[in-house]
Amino acid sequence: PDLVRTGLDEGGANGSQTVPFYGKHQAGIATGPQAHAVFAALDLRG
């Protein structure tokens, strides 16, 4: 329990902030852009 909280902690850190995964639209589009990103493209095995 002490490792997962919602919103900013007492020091103003945002490490525990979450973005909903489920919904009509995928997250990561209307979501405010985060500071870091990785784009990984994969090819199906035959």
ModelCIF file with pLDDT and N, C-alpha, C, O atoms, coordinates in Angstrom:
data_MODEL
#
_entry.id   MODEL 
#
_entity.id                         1 
_entity.type                       polymer 
_entity.pdbx_number_of_molecules   1 
#
_entity_poly.entity_id                      1 
_entity_poly.type                           'polypeptide(L)' 
_entity_poly.nstd_linkage                   no 
_entity_poly.nstd_monomer                   no 
_entity_poly.pdbx_seq_one_letter_code       PDLVRTGLDEGGANGSQTVPFYGKHQAGIATGPQAHAVFAALDLRG 
_entity_poly.pdbx_seq_one_letter_code_can   PDLVRTGLDEGGANGSQTVPFYGKHQAGIATGPQAHAVFAALDLRG 
_entity_poly.pdbx_strand_id                 A 
#
loop_
_entity_poly_seq.entity_id 
_entity_poly_seq.num 
_entity_poly_seq.mon_id 
_entity_poly_seq.hetero 
1 1  PRO n 
1 2  ASP n 
1 3  LEU n 
1 4  VAL n 
1 5  ARG n 
1 6  THR n 
1 7  GLY n 
1 8  LEU n 
1 9  ASP n 
1 10 GLU n 
1 11 GLY n 
1 12 GLY n 
1 13 ALA n 
1 14 ASN n 
1 15 GLY n 
1 16 SER n 
1 17 GLN n 
1 18 THR n 
1 19 VAL n 
1 20 PRO n 
1 21 PHE n 
1 22 TYR n 
1 23 GLY n 
1 24 LYS n 
1 25 HIS n 
1 26 GLN n 
1 27 ALA n 
1 28 GLY n 
1 29 ILE n 
1 30 ALA n 
1 31 THR n 
1 32 GLY n 
1 33 PRO n 
1 34 GLN n 
1 35 ALA n 
1 36 HIS n 
1 37 ALA n 
1 38 VAL n 
1 39 PHE n 
1 40 ALA n 
1 41 ALA n 
1 42 LEU n 
1 43 ASP n 
1 44 LEU n 
1 45 ARG n 
1 46 GLY n 
#
_struct_asym.id          A 
_struct_asym.entity_id   1 
#
loop_
_ma_qa_metric.id 
_ma_qa_metric.mode 
_ma_qa_metric.name 
_ma_qa_metric.software_group_id 
_ma_qa_metric.type 
1 global pLDDT . pLDDT 
2 local  pLDDT . pLDDT 
#
_ma_qa_metric_global.metric_id      1 
_ma_qa_metric_global.metric_value   84.54 
_ma_qa_metric_global.model_id       1 
_ma_qa_metric_global.ordinal_id     1 
#
loop_
_ma_qa_metric_local.label_asym_id 
_ma_qa_metric_local.label_comp_id 
_ma_qa_metric_local.label_seq_id 
_ma_qa_metric_local.metric_id 
_ma_qa_metric_local.metric_value 
_ma_qa_metric_local.model_id 
_ma_qa_metric_local.ordinal_id 
A PRO 1  2 33.00 1 1  
A ASP 2  2 35.00 1 2  
A LEU 3  2 35.00 1 3  
A VAL 4  2 39.00 1 4  
A ARG 5  2 39.00 1 5  
A THR 6  2 47.00 1 6  
A GLY 7  2 56.00 1 7  
A LEU 8  2 63.00 1 8  
A ASP 9  2 63.00 1 9  
A GLU 10 2 58.00 1 10 
A GLY 11 2 63.00 1 11 
A GLY 12 2 68.00 1 12 
A ALA 13 2 82.00 1 13 
A ASN 14 2 90.00 1 14 
A GLY 15 2 94.00 1 15 
A SER 16 2 94.00 1 16 
A GLN 17 2 96.00 1 17 
A THR 18 2 97.00 1 18 
A VAL 19 2 98.00 1 19 
A PRO 20 2 98.00 1 20 
A PHE 21 2 98.00 1 21 
A TYR 22 2 98.00 1 22 
A GLY 23 2 98.00 1 23 
A LYS 24 2 98.00 1 24 
A HIS 25 2 98.00 1 25 
A GLN 26 2 98.00 1 26 
A ALA 27 2 98.00 1 27 
A GLY 28 2 98.00 1 28 
A ILE 29 2 98.00 1 29 
A ALA 30 2 98.00 1 30 
A THR 31 2 98.00 1 31 
A GLY 32 2 96.00 1 32 
A PRO 33 2 97.00 1 33 
A GLN 34 2 97.00 1 34 
A ALA 35 2 98.00 1 35 
A HIS 36 2 98.00 1 36 
A ALA 37 2 98.00 1 37 
A VAL 38 2 98.00 1 38 
A PHE 39 2 98.00 1 39 
A ALA 40 2 98.00 1 40 
A ALA 41 2 98.00 1 41 
A LEU 42 2 98.00 1 42 
A ASP 43 2 98.00 1 43 
A LEU 44 2 98.00 1 44 
A ARG 45 2 98.00 1 45 
A GLY 46 2 95.00 1 46 
#
loop_
_atom_site.group_PDB 
_atom_site.id 
_atom_site.type_symbol 
_atom_site.label_atom_id 
_atom_site.label_alt_id 
_atom_site.label_comp_id 
_atom_site.label_asym_id 
_atom_site.label_entity_id 
_atom_site.label_seq_id 
_atom_site.pdbx_PDB_ins_code 
_atom_site.Cartn_x 
_atom_site.Cartn_y 
_atom_site.Cartn_z 
_atom_site.occupancy 
_atom_site.B_iso_or_equiv 
_atom_site.pdbx_formal_charge 
_atom_site.auth_seq_id 
_atom_site.auth_comp_id 
_atom_site.auth_asym_id 
_atom_site.auth_atom_id 
_atom_site.pdbx_PDB_model_num 
ATOM 1   N N  . PRO A 1 1  ? 0.798   -1.227  0.000   1.00 33.00 ? 1  PRO A N  1 
ATOM 2   C CA . PRO A 1 1  ? 0.000   0.000   0.000   1.00 33.00 ? 1  PRO A CA 1 
ATOM 3   C C  . PRO A 1 1  ? 0.829   1.274   0.000   1.00 33.00 ? 1  PRO A C  1 
ATOM 4   O O  . PRO A 1 1  ? 0.430   2.261   -0.618  1.00 33.00 ? 1  PRO A O  1 
ATOM 5   N N  . ASP A 1 2  ? 1.991   1.278   0.689   1.00 35.00 ? 2  ASP A N  1 
ATOM 6   C CA . ASP A 1 2  ? 2.754   2.517   0.762   1.00 35.00 ? 2  ASP A CA 1 
ATOM 7   C C  . ASP A 1 2  ? 3.529   2.801   -0.516  1.00 35.00 ? 2  ASP A C  1 
ATOM 8   O O  . ASP A 1 2  ? 4.175   3.844   -0.617  1.00 35.00 ? 2  ASP A O  1 
ATOM 9   N N  . LEU A 1 3  ? 3.482   1.884   -1.512  1.00 35.00 ? 3  LEU A N  1 
ATOM 10  C CA . LEU A 1 3  ? 4.196   2.092   -2.751  1.00 35.00 ? 3  LEU A CA 1 
ATOM 11  C C  . LEU A 1 3  ? 3.323   2.666   -3.856  1.00 35.00 ? 3  LEU A C  1 
ATOM 12  O O  . LEU A 1 3  ? 3.843   3.171   -4.851  1.00 35.00 ? 3  LEU A O  1 
ATOM 13  N N  . VAL A 1 4  ? 2.006   2.598   -3.700  1.00 39.00 ? 4  VAL A N  1 
ATOM 14  C CA . VAL A 1 4  ? 1.117   3.074   -4.752  1.00 39.00 ? 4  VAL A CA 1 
ATOM 15  C C  . VAL A 1 4  ? 0.165   4.101   -4.182  1.00 39.00 ? 4  VAL A C  1 
ATOM 16  O O  . VAL A 1 4  ? -0.599  3.799   -3.265  1.00 39.00 ? 4  VAL A O  1 
ATOM 17  N N  . ARG A 1 5  ? 0.201   5.323   -4.718  1.00 39.00 ? 5  ARG A N  1 
ATOM 18  C CA . ARG A 1 5  ? -0.712  6.376   -4.309  1.00 39.00 ? 5  ARG A CA 1 
ATOM 19  C C  . ARG A 1 5  ? -1.221  7.056   -5.564  1.00 39.00 ? 5  ARG A C  1 
ATOM 20  O O  . ARG A 1 5  ? -0.683  6.840   -6.650  1.00 39.00 ? 5  ARG A O  1 
ATOM 21  N N  . THR A 1 6  ? -2.230  7.857   -5.429  1.00 47.00 ? 6  THR A N  1 
ATOM 22  C CA . THR A 1 6  ? -2.750  8.588   -6.571  1.00 47.00 ? 6  THR A CA 1 
ATOM 23  C C  . THR A 1 6  ? -2.364  10.051  -6.444  1.00 47.00 ? 6  THR A C  1 
ATOM 24  O O  . THR A 1 6  ? -2.237  10.576  -5.338  1.00 47.00 ? 6  THR A O  1 
ATOM 25  N N  . GLY A 1 7  ? -2.179  10.708  -7.583  1.00 56.00 ? 7  GLY A N  1 
ATOM 26  C CA . GLY A 1 7  ? -1.864  12.128  -7.587  1.00 56.00 ? 7  GLY A CA 1 
ATOM 27  C C  . GLY A 1 7  ? -0.439  12.405  -7.144  1.00 56.00 ? 7  GLY A C  1 
ATOM 28  O O  . GLY A 1 7  ? 0.394   11.500  -7.100  1.00 56.00 ? 7  GLY A O  1 
ATOM 29  N N  . LEU A 1 8  ? -0.163  13.659  -6.814  1.00 63.00 ? 8  LEU A N  1 
ATOM 30  C CA . LEU A 1 8  ? 1.166   14.064  -6.375  1.00 63.00 ? 8  LEU A CA 1 
ATOM 31  C C  . LEU A 1 8  ? 1.378   13.678  -4.922  1.00 63.00 ? 8  LEU A C  1 
ATOM 32  O O  . LEU A 1 8  ? 0.439   13.702  -4.126  1.00 63.00 ? 8  LEU A O  1 
ATOM 33  N N  . ASP A 1 9  ? 2.624   13.319  -4.568  1.00 63.00 ? 9  ASP A N  1 
ATOM 34  C CA . ASP A 1 9  ? 2.885   13.012  -3.176  1.00 63.00 ? 9  ASP A CA 1 
ATOM 35  C C  . ASP A 1 9  ? 3.178   14.316  -2.420  1.00 63.00 ? 9  ASP A C  1 
ATOM 36  O O  . ASP A 1 9  ? 3.092   15.406  -2.986  1.00 63.00 ? 9  ASP A O  1 
ATOM 37  N N  . GLU A 1 10 ? 3.520   14.187  -1.146  1.00 58.00 ? 10 GLU A N  1 
ATOM 38  C CA . GLU A 1 10 ? 3.692   15.372  -0.316  1.00 58.00 ? 10 GLU A CA 1 
ATOM 39  C C  . GLU A 1 10 ? 4.820   16.266  -0.807  1.00 58.00 ? 10 GLU A C  1 
ATOM 40  O O  . GLU A 1 10 ? 4.818   17.466  -0.536  1.00 58.00 ? 10 GLU A O  1 
ATOM 41  N N  . GLY A 1 11 ? 5.779   15.701  -1.524  1.00 63.00 ? 11 GLY A N  1 
ATOM 42  C CA . GLY A 1 11 ? 6.873   16.501  -2.044  1.00 63.00 ? 11 GLY A CA 1 
ATOM 43  C C  . GLY A 1 11 ? 6.604   17.070  -3.423  1.00 63.00 ? 11 GLY A C  1 
ATOM 44  O O  . GLY A 1 11 ? 7.473   17.721  -4.003  1.00 63.00 ? 11 GLY A O  1 
ATOM 45  N N  . GLY A 1 12 ? 5.411   16.835  -3.957  1.00 68.00 ? 12 GLY A N  1 
ATOM 46  C CA . GLY A 1 12 ? 5.067   17.346  -5.275  1.00 68.00 ? 12 GLY A CA 1 
ATOM 47  C C  . GLY A 1 12 ? 5.478   16.457  -6.425  1.00 68.00 ? 12 GLY A C  1 
ATOM 48  O O  . GLY A 1 12 ? 5.355   16.858  -7.583  1.00 68.00 ? 12 GLY A O  1 
ATOM 49  N N  . ALA A 1 13 ? 5.969   15.248  -6.139  1.00 82.00 ? 13 ALA A N  1 
ATOM 50  C CA . ALA A 1 13 ? 6.373   14.330  -7.203  1.00 82.00 ? 13 ALA A CA 1 
ATOM 51  C C  . ALA A 1 13 ? 5.151   13.718  -7.876  1.00 82.00 ? 13 ALA A C  1 
ATOM 52  O O  . ALA A 1 13 ? 4.089   13.587  -7.266  1.00 82.00 ? 13 ALA A O  1 
ATOM 53  N N  . ASN A 1 14 ? 5.318   13.347  -9.140  1.00 90.00 ? 14 ASN A N  1 
ATOM 54  C CA . ASN A 1 14 ? 4.184   12.801  -9.883  1.00 90.00 ? 14 ASN A CA 1 
ATOM 55  C C  . ASN A 1 14 ? 4.356   11.325  -10.205 1.00 90.00 ? 14 ASN A C  1 
ATOM 56  O O  . ASN A 1 14 ? 3.631   10.794  -11.046 1.00 90.00 ? 14 ASN A O  1 
ATOM 57  N N  . GLY A 1 15 ? 5.290   10.656  -9.561  1.00 94.00 ? 15 GLY A N  1 
ATOM 58  C CA . GLY A 1 15 ? 5.555   9.256   -9.886  1.00 94.00 ? 15 GLY A CA 1 
ATOM 59  C C  . GLY A 1 15 ? 4.366   8.347   -9.757  1.00 94.00 ? 15 GLY A C  1 
ATOM 60  O O  . GLY A 1 15 ? 4.302   7.326   -10.442 1.00 94.00 ? 15 GLY A O  1 
ATOM 61  N N  . SER A 1 16 ? 3.411   8.680   -8.899  1.00 94.00 ? 16 SER A N  1 
ATOM 62  C CA . SER A 1 16 ? 2.243   7.823   -8.688  1.00 94.00 ? 16 SER A CA 1 
ATOM 63  C C  . SER A 1 16 ? 1.054   8.209   -9.553  1.00 94.00 ? 16 SER A C  1 
ATOM 64  O O  . SER A 1 16 ? 0.004   7.573   -9.463  1.00 94.00 ? 16 SER A O  1 
ATOM 65  N N  . GLN A 1 17 ? 1.186   9.230   -10.387 1.00 96.00 ? 17 GLN A N  1 
ATOM 66  C CA . GLN A 1 17 ? 0.077   9.615   -11.252 1.00 96.00 ? 17 GLN A CA 1 
ATOM 67  C C  . GLN A 1 17 ? -0.145  8.564   -12.331 1.00 96.00 ? 17 GLN A C  1 
ATOM 68  O O  . GLN A 1 17 ? 0.808   8.021   -12.891 1.00 96.00 ? 17 GLN A O  1 
ATOM 69  N N  . THR A 1 18 ? -1.408  8.285   -12.614 1.00 97.00 ? 18 THR A N  1 
ATOM 70  C CA . THR A 1 18 ? -1.759  7.260   -13.585 1.00 97.00 ? 18 THR A CA 1 
ATOM 71  C C  . THR A 1 18 ? -2.643  7.840   -14.684 1.00 97.00 ? 18 THR A C  1 
ATOM 72  O O  . THR A 1 18 ? -3.351  8.826   -14.482 1.00 97.00 ? 18 THR A O  1 
ATOM 73  N N  . VAL A 1 19 ? -2.583  7.210   -15.832 1.00 98.00 ? 19 VAL A N  1 
ATOM 74  C CA . VAL A 1 19 ? -3.442  7.530   -16.976 1.00 98.00 ? 19 VAL A CA 1 
ATOM 75  C C  . VAL A 1 19 ? -4.318  6.308   -17.228 1.00 98.00 ? 19 VAL A C  1 
ATOM 76  O O  . VAL A 1 19 ? -3.785  5.207   -17.364 1.00 98.00 ? 19 VAL A O  1 
ATOM 77  N N  . PRO A 1 20 ? -5.641  6.457   -17.296 1.00 98.00 ? 20 PRO A N  1 
ATOM 78  C CA . PRO A 1 20 ? -6.508  5.287   -17.519 1.00 98.00 ? 20 PRO A CA 1 
ATOM 79  C C  . PRO A 1 20 ? -6.144  4.564   -18.807 1.00 98.00 ? 20 PRO A C  1 
ATOM 80  O O  . PRO A 1 20 ? -5.840  5.199   -19.818 1.00 98.00 ? 20 PRO A O  1 
ATOM 81  N N  . PHE A 1 21 ? -6.173  3.250   -18.771 1.00 98.00 ? 21 PHE A N  1 
ATOM 82  C CA . PHE A 1 21 ? -5.886  2.456   -19.963 1.00 98.00 ? 21 PHE A CA 1 
ATOM 83  C C  . PHE A 1 21 ? -7.148  2.174   -20.769 1.00 98.00 ? 21 PHE A C  1 
ATOM 84  O O  . PHE A 1 21 ? -7.141  2.268   -21.996 1.00 98.00 ? 21 PHE A O  1 
ATOM 85  N N  . TYR A 1 22 ? -8.230  1.828   -20.074 1.00 98.00 ? 22 TYR A N  1 
ATOM 86  C CA . TYR A 1 22 ? -9.466  1.449   -20.764 1.00 98.00 ? 22 TYR A CA 1 
ATOM 87  C C  . TYR A 1 22 ? -10.292 2.687   -21.111 1.00 98.00 ? 22 TYR A C  1 
ATOM 88  O O  . TYR A 1 22 ? -10.237 3.701   -20.416 1.00 98.00 ? 22 TYR A O  1 
ATOM 89  N N  . GLY A 1 23 ? -11.058 2.585   -22.196 1.00 98.00 ? 23 GLY A N  1 
ATOM 90  C CA . GLY A 1 23 ? -11.912 3.693   -22.590 1.00 98.00 ? 23 GLY A CA 1 
ATOM 91  C C  . GLY A 1 23 ? -12.228 3.631   -24.072 1.00 98.00 ? 23 GLY A C  1 
ATOM 92  O O  . GLY A 1 23 ? -11.735 2.756   -24.784 1.00 98.00 ? 23 GLY A O  1 
ATOM 93  N N  . LYS A 1 24 ? -13.053 4.562   -24.535 1.00 98.00 ? 24 LYS A N  1 
ATOM 94  C CA . LYS A 1 24 ? -13.448 4.573   -25.942 1.00 98.00 ? 24 LYS A CA 1 
ATOM 95  C C  . LYS A 1 24 ? -12.250 4.796   -26.854 1.00 98.00 ? 24 LYS A C  1 
ATOM 96  O O  . LYS A 1 24 ? -12.155 4.197   -27.925 1.00 98.00 ? 24 LYS A O  1 
ATOM 97  N N  . HIS A 1 25 ? -11.332 5.666   -26.420 1.00 98.00 ? 25 HIS A N  1 
ATOM 98  C CA . HIS A 1 25 ? -10.132 5.958   -27.197 1.00 98.00 ? 25 HIS A CA 1 
ATOM 99  C C  . HIS A 1 25 ? -8.904  5.477   -26.445 1.00 98.00 ? 25 HIS A C  1 
ATOM 100 O O  . HIS A 1 25 ? -8.913  5.406   -25.216 1.00 98.00 ? 25 HIS A O  1 
ATOM 101 N N  . GLN A 1 26 ? -7.858  5.148   -27.168 1.00 98.00 ? 26 GLN A N  1 
ATOM 102 C CA . GLN A 1 26 ? -6.614  4.786   -26.520 1.00 98.00 ? 26 GLN A CA 1 
ATOM 103 C C  . GLN A 1 26 ? -5.971  6.013   -25.873 1.00 98.00 ? 26 GLN A C  1 
ATOM 104 O O  . GLN A 1 26 ? -6.100  7.134   -26.364 1.00 98.00 ? 26 GLN A O  1 
ATOM 105 N N  . ALA A 1 27 ? -5.285  5.774   -24.774 1.00 98.00 ? 27 ALA A N  1 
ATOM 106 C CA . ALA A 1 27 ? -4.500  6.829   -24.138 1.00 98.00 ? 27 ALA A CA 1 
ATOM 107 C C  . ALA A 1 27 ? -3.265  7.119   -24.989 1.00 98.00 ? 27 ALA A C  1 
ATOM 108 O O  . ALA A 1 27 ? -2.939  6.373   -25.912 1.00 98.00 ? 27 ALA A O  1 
ATOM 109 N N  . GLY A 1 28 ? -2.582  8.227   -24.655 1.00 98.00 ? 28 GLY A N  1 
ATOM 110 C CA . GLY A 1 28 ? -1.379  8.577   -25.377 1.00 98.00 ? 28 GLY A CA 1 
ATOM 111 C C  . GLY A 1 28 ? -1.631  9.397   -26.629 1.00 98.00 ? 28 GLY A C  1 
ATOM 112 O O  . GLY A 1 28 ? -0.722  9.604   -27.433 1.00 98.00 ? 28 GLY A O  1 
ATOM 113 N N  . ILE A 1 29 ? -2.864  9.865   -26.801 1.00 98.00 ? 29 ILE A N  1 
ATOM 114 C CA . ILE A 1 29 ? -3.212  10.691  -27.963 1.00 98.00 ? 29 ILE A CA 1 
ATOM 115 C C  . ILE A 1 29 ? -3.719  12.041  -27.464 1.00 98.00 ? 29 ILE A C  1 
ATOM 116 O O  . ILE A 1 29 ? -3.094  13.075  -27.700 1.00 98.00 ? 29 ILE A O  1 
ATOM 117 N N  . ALA A 1 30 ? -4.856  12.020  -26.774 1.00 98.00 ? 30 ALA A N  1 
ATOM 118 C CA . ALA A 1 30 ? -5.335  13.243  -26.126 1.00 98.00 ? 30 ALA A CA 1 
ATOM 119 C C  . ALA A 1 30 ? -4.617  13.494  -24.812 1.00 98.00 ? 30 ALA A C  1 
ATOM 120 O O  . ALA A 1 30 ? -4.706  14.589  -24.257 1.00 98.00 ? 30 ALA A O  1 
ATOM 121 N N  . THR A 1 31 ? -3.909  12.497  -24.309 1.00 98.00 ? 31 THR A N  1 
ATOM 122 C CA . THR A 1 31 ? -3.133  12.637  -23.080 1.00 98.00 ? 31 THR A CA 1 
ATOM 123 C C  . THR A 1 31 ? -2.086  13.743  -23.235 1.00 98.00 ? 31 THR A C  1 
ATOM 124 O O  . THR A 1 31 ? -1.419  13.828  -24.267 1.00 98.00 ? 31 THR A O  1 
ATOM 125 N N  . GLY A 1 32 ? -1.942  14.582  -22.220 1.00 96.00 ? 32 GLY A N  1 
ATOM 126 C CA . GLY A 1 32 ? -0.875  15.578  -22.250 1.00 96.00 ? 32 GLY A CA 1 
ATOM 127 C C  . GLY A 1 32 ? 0.463   14.890  -22.463 1.00 96.00 ? 32 GLY A C  1 
ATOM 128 O O  . GLY A 1 32 ? 0.784   13.950  -21.735 1.00 96.00 ? 32 GLY A O  1 
ATOM 129 N N  . PRO A 1 33 ? 1.258   15.329  -23.441 1.00 97.00 ? 33 PRO A N  1 
ATOM 130 C CA . PRO A 1 33 ? 2.506   14.624  -23.760 1.00 97.00 ? 33 PRO A CA 1 
ATOM 131 C C  . PRO A 1 33 ? 3.427   14.487  -22.546 1.00 97.00 ? 33 PRO A C  1 
ATOM 132 O O  . PRO A 1 33 ? 3.668   15.448  -21.816 1.00 97.00 ? 33 PRO A O  1 
ATOM 133 N N  . GLN A 1 34 ? 3.928   13.284  -22.354 1.00 97.00 ? 34 GLN A N  1 
ATOM 134 C CA . GLN A 1 34 ? 4.862   13.023  -21.272 1.00 97.00 ? 34 GLN A CA 1 
ATOM 135 C C  . GLN A 1 34 ? 6.272   13.400  -21.709 1.00 97.00 ? 34 GLN A C  1 
ATOM 136 O O  . GLN A 1 34 ? 6.507   13.707  -22.878 1.00 97.00 ? 34 GLN A O  1 
ATOM 137 N N  . ALA A 1 35 ? 7.201   13.374  -20.770 1.00 98.00 ? 35 ALA A N  1 
ATOM 138 C CA . ALA A 1 35 ? 8.558   13.851  -21.042 1.00 98.00 ? 35 ALA A CA 1 
ATOM 139 C C  . ALA A 1 35 ? 9.381   12.880  -21.868 1.00 98.00 ? 35 ALA A C  1 
ATOM 140 O O  . ALA A 1 35 ? 10.289  13.306  -22.582 1.00 98.00 ? 35 ALA A O  1 
ATOM 141 N N  . HIS A 1 36 ? 9.093   11.589  -21.793 1.00 98.00 ? 36 HIS A N  1 
ATOM 142 C CA . HIS A 1 36 ? 9.906   10.580  -22.455 1.00 98.00 ? 36 HIS A CA 1 
ATOM 143 C C  . HIS A 1 36 ? 9.012   9.631   -23.252 1.00 98.00 ? 36 HIS A C  1 
ATOM 144 O O  . HIS A 1 36 ? 7.875   9.360   -22.868 1.00 98.00 ? 36 HIS A O  1 
ATOM 145 N N  . ALA A 1 37 ? 9.543   9.134   -24.363 1.00 98.00 ? 37 ALA A N  1 
ATOM 146 C CA . ALA A 1 37 ? 8.777   8.227   -25.212 1.00 98.00 ? 37 ALA A CA 1 
ATOM 147 C C  . ALA A 1 37 ? 9.697   7.231   -25.888 1.00 98.00 ? 37 ALA A C  1 
ATOM 148 O O  . ALA A 1 37 ? 10.854  7.523   -26.190 1.00 98.00 ? 37 ALA A O  1 
ATOM 149 N N  . VAL A 1 38 ? 9.148   6.040   -26.119 1.00 98.00 ? 38 VAL A N  1 
ATOM 150 C CA . VAL A 1 38 ? 9.786   5.030   -26.959 1.00 98.00 ? 38 VAL A CA 1 
ATOM 151 C C  . VAL A 1 38 ? 8.741   4.561   -27.963 1.00 98.00 ? 38 VAL A C  1 
ATOM 152 O O  . VAL A 1 38 ? 7.586   4.311   -27.618 1.00 98.00 ? 38 VAL A O  1 
ATOM 153 N N  . PHE A 1 39 ? 9.178   4.449   -29.220 1.00 98.00 ? 39 PHE A N  1 
ATOM 154 C CA . PHE A 1 39 ? 8.325   3.930   -30.279 1.00 98.00 ? 39 PHE A CA 1 
ATOM 155 C C  . PHE A 1 39 ? 8.967   2.645   -30.777 1.00 98.00 ? 39 PHE A C  1 
ATOM 156 O O  . PHE A 1 39 ? 10.076  2.662   -31.311 1.00 98.00 ? 39 PHE A O  1 
ATOM 157 N N  . ALA A 1 40 ? 8.264   1.532   -30.600 1.00 98.00 ? 40 ALA A N  1 
ATOM 158 C CA . ALA A 1 40 ? 8.807   0.225   -30.965 1.00 98.00 ? 40 ALA A CA 1 
ATOM 159 C C  . ALA A 1 40 ? 7.929   -0.394  -32.047 1.00 98.00 ? 40 ALA A C  1 
ATOM 160 O O  . ALA A 1 40 ? 6.741   -0.633  -31.831 1.00 98.00 ? 40 ALA A O  1 
ATOM 161 N N  . ALA A 1 41 ? 8.519   -0.650  -33.211 1.00 98.00 ? 41 ALA A N  1 
ATOM 162 C CA . ALA A 1 41 ? 7.810   -1.305  -34.307 1.00 98.00 ? 41 ALA A CA 1 
ATOM 163 C C  . ALA A 1 41 ? 8.238   -2.765  -34.364 1.00 98.00 ? 41 ALA A C  1 
ATOM 164 O O  . ALA A 1 41 ? 9.427   -3.074  -34.280 1.00 98.00 ? 41 ALA A O  1 
ATOM 165 N N  . LEU A 1 42 ? 7.269   -3.656  -34.507 1.00 98.00 ? 42 LEU A N  1 
ATOM 166 C CA . LEU A 1 42 ? 7.543   -5.085  -34.540 1.00 98.00 ? 42 LEU A CA 1 
ATOM 167 C C  . LEU A 1 42 ? 6.950   -5.689  -35.805 1.00 98.00 ? 42 LEU A C  1 
ATOM 168 O O  . LEU A 1 42 ? 5.956   -5.194  -36.336 1.00 98.00 ? 42 LEU A O  1 
ATOM 169 N N  . ASP A 1 43 ? 7.574   -6.772  -36.284 1.00 98.00 ? 43 ASP A N  1 
ATOM 170 C CA . ASP A 1 43 ? 7.096   -7.518  -37.441 1.00 98.00 ? 43 ASP A CA 1 
ATOM 171 C C  . ASP A 1 43 ? 6.636   -8.896  -36.998 1.00 98.00 ? 43 ASP A C  1 
ATOM 172 O O  . ASP A 1 43 ? 7.307   -9.559  -36.206 1.00 98.00 ? 43 ASP A O  1 
ATOM 173 N N  . LEU A 1 44 ? 5.501   -9.321  -37.506 1.00 98.00 ? 44 LEU A N  1 
ATOM 174 C CA . LEU A 1 44 ? 4.973   -10.639 -37.179 1.00 98.00 ? 44 LEU A CA 1 
ATOM 175 C C  . LEU A 1 44 ? 5.916   -11.739 -37.653 1.00 98.00 ? 44 LEU A C  1 
ATOM 176 O O  . LEU A 1 44 ? 6.509   -11.643 -38.728 1.00 98.00 ? 44 LEU A O  1 
ATOM 177 N N  . ARG A 1 45 ? 6.045   -12.777 -36.843 1.00 98.00 ? 45 ARG A N  1 
ATOM 178 C CA . ARG A 1 45 ? 6.775   -13.960 -37.290 1.00 98.00 ? 45 ARG A CA 1 
ATOM 179 C C  . ARG A 1 45 ? 5.911   -14.704 -38.317 1.00 98.00 ? 45 ARG A C  1 
ATOM 180 O O  . ARG A 1 45 ? 4.683   -14.614 -38.296 1.00 98.00 ? 45 ARG A O  1 
ATOM 181 N N  . GLY A 1 46 ? 6.567   -15.426 -39.199 1.00 95.00 ? 46 GLY A N  1 
ATOM 182 C CA . GLY A 1 46 ? 5.858   -16.047 -40.311 1.00 95.00 ? 46 GLY A CA 1 
ATOM 183 C C  . GLY A 1 46 ? 4.825   -17.073 -39.923 1.00 95.00 ? 46 GLY A C  1 
ATOM 184 O O  . GLY A 1 46 ? 4.173   -17.652 -40.792 1.00 95.00 ? 46 GLY A O  1 
#
